[in-house]
Amino acid sequence: MAQQVIQLDPEKLRCLICLDLLKDPVTIPCGHSYCMSCIEDCWDEENEKKKTPSCLQCRQSFTPRPDLVKSTMLAELVEELKKVGLHAVSPDQSFAGPGDVACDFCSGIKLRALKSCLVCMASYCEQHLQPHYNVAPLKKHKLVEATPKLEENICSRHDEVMKIFCRTDQQCICYLCLMDDHKGHDTVSAAAERAERQTELGVSRQRIQQRVQDREKDVKVLQQRVEAINLSADEAVRDSEKIFTDLIRFIEKRRSEVKQQIRSQQKTQVSRAKKLEEKLQQEITELQRKDTELEKLSRTEDHLHFLNNYPSLSRLRKSRDLPSMVKSLCSFKDVTAAVSEARDKLQALLNEEWTKISLAVTEEDVLLPQAEPRTRAEYMKYSHQITLDPNTAHTLLSLSDSNRKATLTAGRKFDSVRFLESWQVLSREGLTERCYWEVKWSGRVFIAVAYKDISRTGTVYECGFGYNDKSWSLECNSDSYEFRHNNIVTSISGPQSSTIGVYLDHRAGTLSYYSVSETMTLLHRVQTTFTQPLYAGFWLPYIAGSTAELCELK
């Protein structure tokens, strides 16, 4: 029985529908065989389409639909074939399944290949691989792990194995390619090129491994920073909650005291009003009594009685002026006004300090530093619309173009928030993120950023942009640039341009100036730590008609 199965072609025992060995085989009236479930499903689909059941091979139709019975003989043949096939395979071998490389020399059921030969361009199972180990000419062949990509080693033009590498065109070729399209090119054997590339591969691996180690260190640093951030944040939340709770309690205490004082004063004033009311009621009663007696006296006919009693009845005691008594009672409108004024001052103070609080919260960035933009298009993503604050402008500066342009001109009135000594102006907006803006200038201009609390009066070292530790400035002249901070001057060489780009990364502590024309050229970059929001500013000294304008970026 086993010998018969070995001589059978396994393809004869495959189902035409699922292409696998028959499972629960059935033979339909025309003589062809299928898996029971396969043919049943096929006929069910035909029934739904109102078609007559038929054989997929000979197309013979059956009416009515035949009853199917498992073919015992076919089932036994399939089982015997499986047993014989399994016995013929060594324990470390198996049949080729989906995704496996099949042996090219197995007939019928194919075994999984162990090796592929780069000379024969074929893959072999353990049994068919033996000649490569025993036959002398085959021993020289190059064996590799079984691969399904052997066809990639065949030249698509000449159908030859590609054993040569063309360095000129950086591609693998066959010896026929070497005779025509690649004639005269720099070529070596694929093995030689592989050996050289193998050395480069080792260097590449070292770089990659070093990069991995560096990134692992970065990960550890990042994890430590995250842990530190979490601990610091928890501590800050606890402390700030306590501080705000204390502040709320303080306000609640003051609210309670104001309420208590108002109620106490209310009680006192109401008591005074009640006593005054009682006195007034007593006076009214006395006056009404006198009026009644006077009315009665007016009707008497006894002249002597009238004359004797009238003086005493007509005499009235002097009373307090009623309006002055009412005015002495206090009004609580002044209390409401005072509380309202205190609220406004507290709100103004909190709003002024809130930017510092917000900056302190966002100052610690857990992420690794971000790369600075490289092209003007990338910088434009961070463009920021900035306007000048006329309340800070010196009397000799005239603002125009919706407070974007400053011109050195005639004087006008000023107040304490203006720059009184230097011809300067600051922006309205405080800058705490990544920002980019451009300035068009003429004459002589200092393009600066500064803290808001920079002095408005005093010497140039106190209020001049770049002459103190509260400001940074780029001085632009017709033939030169100079950078100033804390009165330290740095001469700068670079292409002259009437447009200067300014890039600020507040968190990273970088401030960069660029000469902008058709391209952007870095003039100077500062690396520091900013402790407050920064404000853009201009200083236009000495040259009348000098202008500085914030460009409207789109």
Protein backbone atom coordinates (compact mmCIF):
# COMPACT_ATOMS: atom_id res chain seq x y z
CA MET A 1 0.00 0.00 0.00
CA ALA A 2 2.82 2.37 0.96
CA GLN A 3 4.69 1.54 -2.23
CA GLN A 4 1.63 2.46 -4.32
CA VAL A 5 1.30 5.78 -2.56
CA ILE A 6 4.93 6.63 -3.23
CA GLN A 7 4.38 5.98 -6.93
CA LEU A 8 1.24 8.13 -6.97
CA ASP A 9 1.51 11.74 -8.06
CA PRO A 10 0.37 13.77 -5.01
CA GLU A 11 -1.06 16.34 -7.43
CA LYS A 12 -3.76 13.78 -8.26
CA LEU A 13 -4.90 13.89 -4.62
CA ARG A 14 -5.21 17.66 -4.45
CA CYS A 15 -8.56 19.50 -4.39
CA LEU A 16 -9.00 21.75 -7.40
CA ILE A 17 -10.73 24.35 -5.23
CA CYS A 18 -8.37 24.77 -2.21
CA LEU A 19 -5.30 23.27 -3.97
CA ASP A 20 -4.45 21.30 -0.83
CA LEU A 21 -4.54 17.54 -0.18
CA LEU A 22 -8.11 16.28 -0.07
CA LYS A 23 -9.91 16.60 3.27
CA ASP A 24 -12.99 14.41 3.75
CA PRO A 25 -12.80 13.57 0.00
CA VAL A 26 -16.04 13.05 -1.95
CA THR A 27 -16.53 11.87 -5.54
CA ILE A 28 -19.40 13.52 -7.44
CA PRO A 29 -21.44 11.65 -10.17
CA CYS A 30 -19.07 12.74 -13.00
CA GLY A 31 -16.16 10.99 -11.23
CA HIS A 32 -14.13 14.00 -10.11
CA SER A 33 -13.20 14.43 -6.44
CA TYR A 34 -13.14 17.42 -4.08
CA CYS A 35 -13.00 18.24 -0.39
CA MET A 36 -16.52 17.87 0.94
CA SER A 37 -16.60 21.36 2.47
CA CYS A 38 -15.12 22.97 -0.69
CA ILE A 39 -17.68 21.55 -3.12
CA GLU A 40 -20.55 22.12 -0.68
CA ASP A 41 -19.59 25.82 -0.33
CA CYS A 42 -19.25 26.11 -4.10
CA TRP A 43 -22.71 24.64 -4.74
CA ASP A 44 -24.21 26.83 -2.01
CA GLU A 45 -22.94 29.90 -3.84
CA GLU A 46 -24.36 28.62 -7.13
CA ASN A 47 -27.69 28.00 -5.42
CA GLU A 48 -27.79 31.61 -4.17
CA LYS A 49 -27.21 32.74 -7.76
CA LYS A 50 -30.01 30.33 -8.86
CA LYS A 51 -27.58 28.21 -10.86
CA THR A 52 -27.60 24.42 -11.27
CA PRO A 53 -24.84 22.53 -9.33
CA SER A 54 -22.00 21.54 -11.68
CA CYS A 55 -18.46 20.11 -11.72
CA LEU A 56 -15.71 22.71 -11.85
CA GLN A 57 -13.56 20.51 -14.09
CA CYS A 58 -15.93 19.02 -16.70
CA ARG A 59 -18.83 21.48 -16.19
CA GLN A 60 -21.40 18.65 -16.05
CA SER A 61 -24.62 19.81 -14.34
CA PHE A 62 -26.60 17.78 -11.79
CA THR A 63 -30.35 17.96 -11.18
CA PRO A 64 -31.30 17.53 -8.45
CA ARG A 65 -28.28 18.41 -6.27
CA PRO A 66 -26.47 15.14 -5.40
CA ASP A 67 -26.10 13.94 -1.82
CA LEU A 68 -22.38 13.75 -1.01
CA VAL A 69 -20.76 10.86 0.90
CA LYS A 70 -17.12 10.72 2.07
CA SER A 71 -14.93 8.49 -0.11
CA THR A 72 -13.23 6.09 2.32
CA MET A 73 -10.67 4.84 -0.23
CA LEU A 74 -9.50 8.32 -1.19
CA ALA A 75 -9.28 9.29 2.47
CA GLU A 76 -7.06 6.27 3.19
CA LEU A 77 -4.82 7.04 0.21
CA VAL A 78 -4.34 10.62 1.43
CA GLU A 79 -3.47 9.45 4.94
CA GLU A 80 -0.99 6.89 3.65
CA LEU A 81 0.62 9.51 1.42
CA LYS A 82 1.04 11.82 4.42
CA LYS A 83 2.61 9.04 6.51
CA VAL A 84 5.05 7.98 3.78
CA GLY A 85 5.95 11.62 3.13
CA LEU A 86 6.59 12.30 6.83
CA HIS A 87 8.73 9.15 7.23
CA ALA A 88 10.84 10.19 4.26
CA VAL A 89 11.66 13.52 5.89
CA SER A 90 14.39 13.76 8.55
CA PRO A 91 13.43 15.26 11.94
CA ASP A 92 15.18 18.56 11.18
CA GLN A 93 13.40 18.90 7.80
CA SER A 94 9.79 19.86 7.05
CA PHE A 95 7.51 20.61 4.16
CA ALA A 96 7.70 24.09 2.67
CA GLY A 97 4.94 26.30 3.97
CA PRO A 98 3.86 29.87 3.25
CA GLY A 99 6.88 32.18 3.41
CA ASP A 100 9.41 29.30 3.23
CA VAL A 101 11.89 28.75 0.39
CA ALA A 102 10.96 25.47 -1.34
CA CYS A 103 13.48 23.00 -2.73
CA ASP A 104 13.69 23.42 -6.51
CA PHE A 105 14.42 19.67 -7.05
CA CYS A 106 11.63 18.11 -4.97
CA SER A 107 8.76 16.70 -7.04
CA GLY A 108 5.26 16.55 -5.67
CA ILE A 109 5.20 17.80 -2.09
CA LYS A 110 8.22 20.12 -1.77
CA LEU A 111 10.46 20.27 1.28
CA ARG A 112 11.80 23.46 2.82
CA ALA A 113 15.19 24.40 1.34
CA LEU A 114 18.24 24.64 3.61
CA LYS A 115 20.69 26.32 1.23
CA SER A 116 20.73 28.28 -2.01
CA CYS A 117 23.59 27.96 -4.51
CA LEU A 118 24.78 31.22 -6.09
CA VAL A 119 26.35 29.26 -8.97
CA CYS A 120 23.49 26.90 -9.78
CA MET A 121 21.00 29.65 -8.90
CA ALA A 122 18.78 27.06 -7.20
CA SER A 123 17.68 26.14 -3.67
CA TYR A 124 18.04 22.64 -2.14
CA CYS A 125 16.59 20.62 0.71
CA GLU A 126 18.90 18.44 2.83
CA GLN A 127 18.60 15.41 0.53
CA HIS A 128 19.15 17.26 -2.76
CA LEU A 129 21.95 19.32 -1.25
CA GLN A 130 24.20 16.29 -0.68
CA PRO A 131 25.89 16.39 -4.15
CA HIS A 132 27.25 19.84 -3.29
CA TYR A 133 29.04 18.25 -0.34
CA ASN A 134 30.21 15.06 -2.16
CA VAL A 135 30.84 15.92 -5.83
CA ALA A 136 34.18 17.69 -6.33
CA PRO A 137 33.11 20.32 -8.94
CA LEU A 138 30.03 21.21 -6.86
CA LYS A 139 32.07 21.66 -3.68
CA LYS A 140 33.48 24.90 -5.13
CA HIS A 141 30.01 26.42 -5.49
CA LYS A 142 29.00 29.28 -3.16
CA LEU A 143 26.25 28.17 -0.75
CA VAL A 144 24.24 30.67 1.31
CA GLU A 145 21.24 30.46 3.57
CA ALA A 146 18.12 29.66 1.55
CA THR A 147 16.86 32.87 -0.04
CA PRO A 148 13.88 33.62 -2.30
CA LYS A 149 15.82 36.48 -3.97
CA LEU A 150 18.08 34.43 -6.25
CA GLU A 151 16.54 36.06 -9.32
CA GLU A 152 17.99 39.39 -8.20
CA ASN A 153 21.45 37.96 -8.98
CA ILE A 154 20.51 37.30 -12.63
CA CYS A 155 21.10 40.02 -15.22
CA SER A 156 17.69 40.90 -16.62
CA ARG A 157 19.24 41.75 -20.00
CA HIS A 158 21.58 38.80 -20.59
CA ASP A 159 20.12 36.20 -18.21
CA GLU A 160 23.59 35.65 -16.72
CA VAL A 161 24.78 35.65 -13.10
CA MET A 162 26.06 39.08 -12.07
CA LYS A 163 29.53 38.59 -10.57
CA ILE A 164 31.04 42.00 -11.39
CA PHE A 165 30.52 45.40 -9.70
CA CYS A 166 30.77 48.58 -11.77
CA ARG A 167 32.10 51.35 -9.53
CA THR A 168 31.46 53.95 -12.21
CA ASP A 169 27.71 53.25 -12.27
CA GLN A 170 27.55 51.75 -8.75
CA GLN A 171 25.70 48.60 -9.82
CA CYS A 172 26.19 44.85 -10.22
CA ILE A 173 26.65 43.56 -13.80
CA CYS A 174 27.37 40.33 -15.64
CA TYR A 175 30.44 39.69 -17.82
CA LEU A 176 28.42 40.43 -21.01
CA CYS A 177 27.49 43.88 -19.64
CA LEU A 178 31.20 44.47 -19.16
CA MET A 179 31.73 44.00 -22.90
CA ASP A 180 29.23 46.62 -24.07
CA ASP A 181 27.41 49.19 -21.83
CA HIS A 182 30.12 49.23 -19.14
CA LYS A 183 33.16 48.96 -21.36
CA GLY A 184 36.02 51.10 -20.00
CA HIS A 185 34.34 51.56 -16.64
CA ASP A 186 36.05 51.06 -13.28
CA THR A 187 35.01 47.50 -12.41
CA VAL A 188 36.00 44.89 -9.82
CA SER A 189 34.69 41.52 -8.82
CA ALA A 190 31.62 41.54 -6.60
CA ALA A 191 33.67 39.68 -3.98
CA ALA A 192 36.37 42.38 -3.95
CA GLU A 193 33.82 45.16 -3.68
CA ARG A 194 32.07 43.24 -0.92
CA ALA A 195 35.35 42.93 1.01
CA GLU A 196 35.93 46.69 0.78
CA ARG A 197 32.36 47.50 1.67
CA GLN A 198 32.58 45.00 4.53
CA THR A 199 35.36 47.14 6.05
CA GLU A 200 33.20 50.25 5.61
CA LEU A 201 30.31 48.33 7.15
CA GLY A 202 32.40 47.74 10.27
CA VAL A 203 33.09 51.48 10.54
CA SER A 204 29.41 52.24 9.94
CA ARG A 205 28.44 49.80 12.66
CA GLN A 206 30.86 51.46 15.05
CA ARG A 207 29.31 54.86 14.29
CA ILE A 208 25.83 53.43 14.72
CA GLN A 209 26.75 51.72 17.98
CA GLN A 210 28.34 54.95 19.22
CA ARG A 211 25.18 56.82 18.20
CA VAL A 212 23.11 54.22 20.06
CA GLN A 213 25.26 54.71 23.16
CA ASP A 214 24.92 58.49 22.85
CA ARG A 215 21.16 58.21 22.46
CA GLU A 216 20.95 55.81 25.40
CA LYS A 217 22.79 58.42 27.47
CA ASP A 218 20.34 61.03 26.17
CA VAL A 219 17.47 58.77 27.19
CA LYS A 220 18.91 58.41 30.70
CA VAL A 221 19.40 62.16 30.94
CA LEU A 222 15.87 62.69 29.66
CA GLN A 223 14.48 60.20 32.16
CA GLN A 224 16.40 61.91 34.97
CA ARG A 225 15.09 65.27 33.83
CA VAL A 226 11.54 63.91 33.67
CA GLU A 227 11.92 62.57 37.20
CA ALA A 228 13.36 65.91 38.35
CA ILE A 229 10.56 67.77 36.57
CA ASN A 230 7.94 65.58 38.26
CA LEU A 231 9.48 66.09 41.70
CA SER A 232 9.93 69.81 41.12
CA ALA A 233 6.41 70.16 39.72
CA ASP A 234 4.89 68.32 42.69
CA GLU A 235 6.84 70.52 45.09
CA ALA A 236 5.88 73.68 43.15
CA VAL A 237 2.21 72.66 43.16
CA ARG A 238 2.31 72.06 46.93
CA ASP A 239 4.11 75.33 47.61
CA SER A 240 2.00 77.41 45.21
CA GLU A 241 -1.19 75.87 46.61
CA LYS A 242 -0.05 76.85 50.11
CA ILE A 243 0.86 80.36 48.95
CA PHE A 244 -2.43 80.84 47.12
CA THR A 245 -4.29 79.37 50.10
CA ASP A 246 -2.52 81.87 52.38
CA LEU A 247 -3.38 84.65 49.94
CA ILE A 248 -7.01 83.53 49.79
CA ARG A 249 -7.13 83.33 53.59
CA PHE A 250 -5.63 86.81 53.82
CA ILE A 251 -8.25 88.16 51.40
CA GLU A 252 -10.98 86.24 53.24
CA LYS A 253 -9.75 87.70 56.53
CA ARG A 254 -9.80 91.22 55.11
CA ARG A 255 -13.22 90.60 53.59
CA SER A 256 -14.49 89.40 56.97
CA GLU A 257 -12.94 92.41 58.72
CA VAL A 258 -14.47 94.84 56.22
CA LYS A 259 -17.83 93.10 56.58
CA GLN A 260 -17.55 93.17 60.38
CA GLN A 261 -16.58 96.84 60.39
CA ILE A 262 -19.47 97.70 58.05
CA ARG A 263 -21.95 95.76 60.21
CA SER A 264 -20.55 97.31 63.40
CA GLN A 265 -20.75 100.80 61.95
CA GLN A 266 -24.21 99.97 60.62
CA LYS A 267 -25.33 98.90 64.12
CA THR A 268 -23.89 102.06 65.66
CA GLN A 269 -25.46 104.36 63.10
CA VAL A 270 -28.81 102.56 63.20
CA SER A 271 -28.75 102.83 67.05
CA ARG A 272 -28.02 106.56 66.79
CA ALA A 273 -30.80 106.93 64.24
CA LYS A 274 -33.23 105.05 66.53
CA LYS A 275 -32.38 107.30 69.51
CA LEU A 276 -32.76 110.35 67.31
CA GLU A 277 -36.07 109.02 66.07
CA GLU A 278 -37.27 108.55 69.68
CA LYS A 279 -36.28 112.15 70.54
CA LEU A 280 -38.03 113.40 67.43
CA GLN A 281 -41.15 111.40 68.30
CA GLN A 282 -41.09 112.86 71.86
CA GLU A 283 -40.73 116.34 70.38
CA ILE A 284 -43.62 115.69 68.00
CA THR A 285 -45.81 114.47 70.90
CA GLU A 286 -44.92 117.55 72.99
CA LEU A 287 -45.58 119.89 70.07
CA GLN A 288 -48.92 118.22 69.37
CA ARG A 289 -49.86 118.60 73.06
CA LYS A 290 -48.93 122.30 73.01
CA ASP A 291 -50.88 122.73 69.78
CA THR A 292 -53.94 121.16 71.39
CA GLU A 293 -53.65 123.42 74.47
CA LEU A 294 -53.11 126.46 72.28
CA GLU A 295 -56.15 125.54 70.21
CA LYS A 296 -58.16 125.15 73.41
CA LEU A 297 -56.78 128.46 74.77
CA SER A 298 -57.73 130.15 71.52
CA ARG A 299 -61.38 129.35 72.22
CA THR A 300 -61.48 130.73 75.82
CA GLU A 301 -63.46 133.91 76.43
CA ASP A 302 -61.55 134.76 79.62
CA HIS A 303 -59.04 137.35 78.62
CA LEU A 304 -57.04 137.11 81.83
CA HIS A 305 -56.79 133.35 81.58
CA PHE A 306 -55.54 133.71 77.97
CA LEU A 307 -52.95 136.27 78.88
CA ASN A 308 -51.67 134.34 81.89
CA ASN A 309 -51.25 131.01 80.03
CA TYR A 310 -50.22 132.00 76.50
CA PRO A 311 -46.62 132.90 77.31
CA SER A 312 -45.84 129.49 78.78
CA LEU A 313 -47.68 127.58 76.09
CA SER A 314 -46.19 129.48 73.18
CA ARG A 315 -42.63 129.11 74.44
CA LEU A 316 -40.72 126.30 72.50
CA ARG A 317 -37.46 124.67 73.46
CA LYS A 318 -34.63 125.10 70.99
CA SER A 319 -34.06 121.87 68.99
CA ARG A 320 -31.09 120.61 66.91
CA ASP A 321 -31.11 121.34 63.21
CA LEU A 322 -32.50 118.17 61.59
CA PRO A 323 -30.38 118.27 58.37
CA SER A 324 -27.13 118.47 60.37
CA MET A 325 -28.20 115.44 62.42
CA VAL A 326 -28.97 113.43 59.28
CA LYS A 327 -25.68 114.40 57.69
CA SER A 328 -23.82 113.11 60.71
CA LEU A 329 -24.97 109.58 59.79
CA CYS A 330 -22.22 107.99 57.62
CA SER A 331 -22.63 106.62 54.04
CA PHE A 332 -20.99 103.34 52.91
CA LYS A 333 -20.41 104.39 49.29
CA ASP A 334 -16.87 105.41 50.17
CA VAL A 335 -16.24 101.90 51.53
CA THR A 336 -17.39 100.33 48.24
CA ALA A 337 -15.17 102.73 46.29
CA ALA A 338 -12.17 101.92 48.50
CA VAL A 339 -12.70 98.16 48.15
CA SER A 340 -13.13 98.55 44.39
CA GLU A 341 -9.88 100.54 44.17
CA ALA A 342 -8.06 97.87 46.19
CA ARG A 343 -9.42 95.17 43.84
CA ASP A 344 -8.26 97.07 40.75
CA LYS A 345 -4.78 97.55 42.20
CA LEU A 346 -4.54 93.87 43.17
CA GLN A 347 -5.69 92.77 39.70
CA ALA A 348 -3.17 95.11 38.05
CA LEU A 349 -0.39 93.77 40.28
CA LEU A 350 -1.32 90.13 39.56
CA ASN A 351 -1.54 90.80 35.81
CA GLU A 352 1.88 92.46 35.89
CA GLU A 353 3.43 89.59 37.82
CA TRP A 354 1.58 86.85 35.94
CA THR A 355 3.90 86.98 32.93
CA LYS A 356 6.87 86.35 35.24
CA ILE A 357 5.01 83.48 36.92
CA SER A 358 4.05 81.98 33.54
CA LEU A 359 7.62 82.35 32.28
CA ALA A 360 8.97 80.66 35.41
CA VAL A 361 6.56 77.75 34.88
CA THR A 362 7.57 77.24 31.22
CA GLU A 363 11.27 77.94 31.74
CA GLU A 364 12.19 74.27 32.32
CA ASP A 365 11.89 72.40 29.03
CA VAL A 366 12.10 68.63 29.41
CA LEU A 367 12.62 68.07 25.69
CA LEU A 368 16.03 68.04 24.05
CA PRO A 369 16.99 71.33 22.32
CA GLN A 370 15.26 71.95 18.99
CA ALA A 371 17.28 72.73 15.90
CA GLU A 372 17.32 76.34 14.72
CA PRO A 373 15.57 76.96 11.37
CA ARG A 374 17.84 76.96 8.32
CA THR A 375 15.88 78.77 5.59
CA ARG A 376 13.85 81.96 5.55
CA ALA A 377 10.72 79.91 4.89
CA GLU A 378 11.37 77.97 8.10
CA TYR A 379 11.96 81.21 10.03
CA MET A 380 8.69 82.63 8.68
CA LYS A 381 6.83 79.88 10.55
CA TYR A 382 7.76 81.77 13.72
CA SER A 383 6.97 85.25 12.37
CA HIS A 384 5.49 87.50 15.04
CA GLN A 385 3.42 90.65 14.44
CA ILE A 386 4.94 93.36 16.64
CA THR A 387 3.78 96.95 17.18
CA LEU A 388 5.52 99.83 18.92
CA ASP A 389 4.17 101.25 22.17
CA PRO A 390 3.72 105.06 21.79
CA ASN A 391 3.66 105.38 25.59
CA THR A 392 7.38 104.45 25.65
CA ALA A 393 8.51 106.55 22.66
CA HIS A 394 10.92 109.45 23.23
CA THR A 395 9.57 112.92 22.41
CA LEU A 396 11.72 113.14 19.29
CA LEU A 397 10.39 109.88 17.81
CA SER A 398 7.34 109.93 15.56
CA LEU A 399 5.41 106.66 15.12
CA SER A 400 3.46 105.83 11.94
CA ASP A 401 2.17 102.93 9.81
CA SER A 402 -0.04 101.55 12.59
CA ASN A 403 2.76 102.00 15.15
CA ARG A 404 5.25 99.87 13.20
CA LYS A 405 7.56 102.65 11.98
CA ALA A 406 9.69 105.05 14.08
CA THR A 407 11.25 108.23 12.65
CA LEU A 408 13.59 110.69 14.38
CA THR A 409 11.73 114.04 14.21
CA ALA A 410 10.64 117.10 16.27
CA GLY A 411 9.77 117.00 19.98
CA ARG A 412 6.46 116.72 21.79
CA LYS A 413 5.11 116.22 25.33
CA PHE A 414 6.13 113.20 27.38
CA ASP A 415 5.37 111.39 30.63
CA SER A 416 7.26 109.22 33.09
CA VAL A 417 6.94 105.95 31.17
CA ARG A 418 8.73 107.33 28.10
CA PHE A 419 12.46 107.20 27.42
CA LEU A 420 13.51 110.69 28.48
CA GLU A 421 17.24 110.64 27.71
CA SER A 422 17.68 108.24 24.74
CA TRP A 423 15.69 108.41 21.51
CA GLN A 424 14.21 104.95 21.96
CA VAL A 425 10.93 103.05 21.87
CA LEU A 426 9.79 99.55 22.98
CA SER A 427 7.15 97.22 21.58
CA ARG A 428 3.77 96.59 23.16
CA GLU A 429 4.19 92.82 23.07
CA GLY A 430 6.37 90.81 25.44
CA LEU A 431 8.18 87.90 23.76
CA THR A 432 8.65 84.58 25.60
CA GLU A 433 8.57 81.96 22.82
CA ARG A 434 10.33 81.34 19.49
CA CYS A 435 9.80 84.53 17.46
CA TYR A 436 11.05 85.98 14.17
CA TRP A 437 10.63 89.51 12.85
CA GLU A 438 12.28 91.72 10.23
CA VAL A 439 13.25 95.39 10.40
CA LYS A 440 13.70 97.77 7.46
CA TRP A 441 16.06 100.59 8.44
CA SER A 442 17.83 103.70 7.14
CA GLY A 443 20.29 106.21 8.59
CA ARG A 444 21.71 104.91 11.88
CA VAL A 445 19.62 102.50 13.96
CA PHE A 446 20.04 100.27 17.00
CA ILE A 447 17.81 97.16 16.61
CA ALA A 448 17.37 95.78 20.10
CA VAL A 449 15.55 93.60 22.60
CA ALA A 450 15.26 94.63 26.25
CA TYR A 451 13.56 93.86 29.53
CA LYS A 452 10.57 96.07 30.30
CA ASP A 453 12.10 97.35 33.53
CA ILE A 454 15.07 98.96 31.74
CA SER A 455 15.60 102.50 33.08
CA ARG A 456 13.79 105.32 31.24
CA THR A 457 16.05 108.04 32.62
CA GLY A 458 19.69 108.52 33.54
CA THR A 459 22.91 108.12 31.60
CA VAL A 460 23.29 106.16 28.38
CA TYR A 461 24.75 103.30 30.43
CA GLU A 462 21.49 103.07 32.39
CA CYS A 463 18.91 103.37 29.62
CA GLY A 464 20.73 103.04 26.26
CA PHE A 465 20.04 99.80 24.37
CA GLY A 466 23.13 97.59 24.56
CA TYR A 467 24.92 99.63 27.22
CA ASN A 468 23.59 97.63 30.21
CA ASP A 469 22.72 94.08 31.25
CA LYS A 470 19.02 94.58 30.50
CA SER A 471 19.31 94.98 26.73
CA TRP A 472 20.98 93.57 23.59
CA SER A 473 21.33 95.61 20.38
CA LEU A 474 22.73 95.54 16.84
CA GLU A 475 23.92 98.95 15.66
CA CYS A 476 23.39 99.34 11.90
CA ASN A 477 25.35 101.97 9.97
CA SER A 478 25.78 102.53 6.25
CA ASP A 479 29.14 100.72 6.23
CA SER A 480 29.33 98.56 9.39
CA TYR A 481 27.56 96.58 12.11
CA GLU A 482 28.33 96.45 15.83
CA PHE A 483 26.72 94.33 18.54
CA ARG A 484 26.42 95.61 22.11
CA HIS A 485 25.47 94.08 25.45
CA ASN A 486 26.39 95.39 28.90
CA ASN A 487 28.60 97.98 27.13
CA ILE A 488 30.72 95.23 25.51
CA VAL A 489 31.11 95.98 21.78
CA THR A 490 31.63 93.30 19.11
CA SER A 491 32.50 94.40 15.56
CA ILE A 492 30.66 92.35 12.93
CA SER A 493 31.49 91.78 9.28
CA GLY A 494 28.72 90.78 6.92
CA PRO A 495 26.82 91.81 3.78
CA GLN A 496 25.12 95.20 4.04
CA SER A 497 21.34 95.06 3.79
CA SER A 498 18.52 97.48 4.54
CA THR A 499 16.57 94.60 6.10
CA ILE A 500 17.63 92.82 9.28
CA GLY A 501 16.03 89.58 10.47
CA VAL A 502 15.84 88.90 14.21
CA TYR A 503 15.26 85.39 15.59
CA LEU A 504 14.62 84.85 19.31
CA ASP A 505 14.34 81.49 21.06
CA HIS A 506 13.59 82.65 24.59
CA ARG A 507 13.66 79.22 26.21
CA ALA A 508 16.91 78.18 24.51
CA GLY A 509 18.43 81.58 25.33
CA THR A 510 19.46 82.37 21.74
CA LEU A 511 19.20 85.71 19.92
CA SER A 512 20.29 85.83 16.25
CA TYR A 513 20.61 88.71 13.76
CA TYR A 514 20.57 88.12 9.99
CA SER A 515 21.28 90.21 6.92
CA VAL A 516 18.24 89.58 4.69
CA SER A 517 18.26 90.03 0.91
CA GLU A 518 17.71 87.22 -1.57
CA THR A 519 19.39 85.00 1.02
CA MET A 520 19.85 85.11 4.79
CA THR A 521 23.35 85.58 6.24
CA LEU A 522 23.98 85.18 9.96
CA LEU A 523 25.58 88.33 11.39
CA HIS A 524 25.74 87.49 15.08
CA ARG A 525 24.27 85.01 17.56
CA VAL A 526 24.02 85.32 21.36
CA GLN A 527 23.73 82.36 23.74
CA THR A 528 22.59 83.36 27.23
CA THR A 529 19.74 82.92 29.73
CA PHE A 530 16.78 85.28 29.59
CA THR A 531 15.09 85.81 32.97
CA GLN A 532 12.19 88.04 31.87
CA PRO A 533 9.99 88.57 28.82
CA LEU A 534 11.80 90.55 26.12
CA TYR A 535 10.47 93.54 24.19
CA ALA A 536 11.63 94.56 20.72
CA GLY A 537 13.05 98.08 20.57
CA PHE A 538 14.63 100.79 18.38
CA TRP A 539 17.18 103.51 19.15
CA LEU A 540 17.65 106.21 16.48
CA PRO A 541 20.49 108.47 17.66
CA TYR A 542 21.98 111.60 16.07
CA ILE A 543 20.96 111.37 12.41
CA ALA A 544 17.70 113.21 11.70
CA GLY A 545 15.44 111.29 9.36
CA SER A 546 16.67 107.87 10.50
CA THR A 547 13.88 105.31 10.38
CA ALA A 548 13.24 101.80 11.63
CA GLU A 549 10.15 99.87 10.52
CA LEU A 550 8.79 96.51 11.60
CA CYS A 551 8.04 94.63 8.37
CA GLU A 552 4.60 93.12 7.92
CA LEU A 553 5.41 89.45 7.27
CA LYS A 554 2.95 87.19 5.45
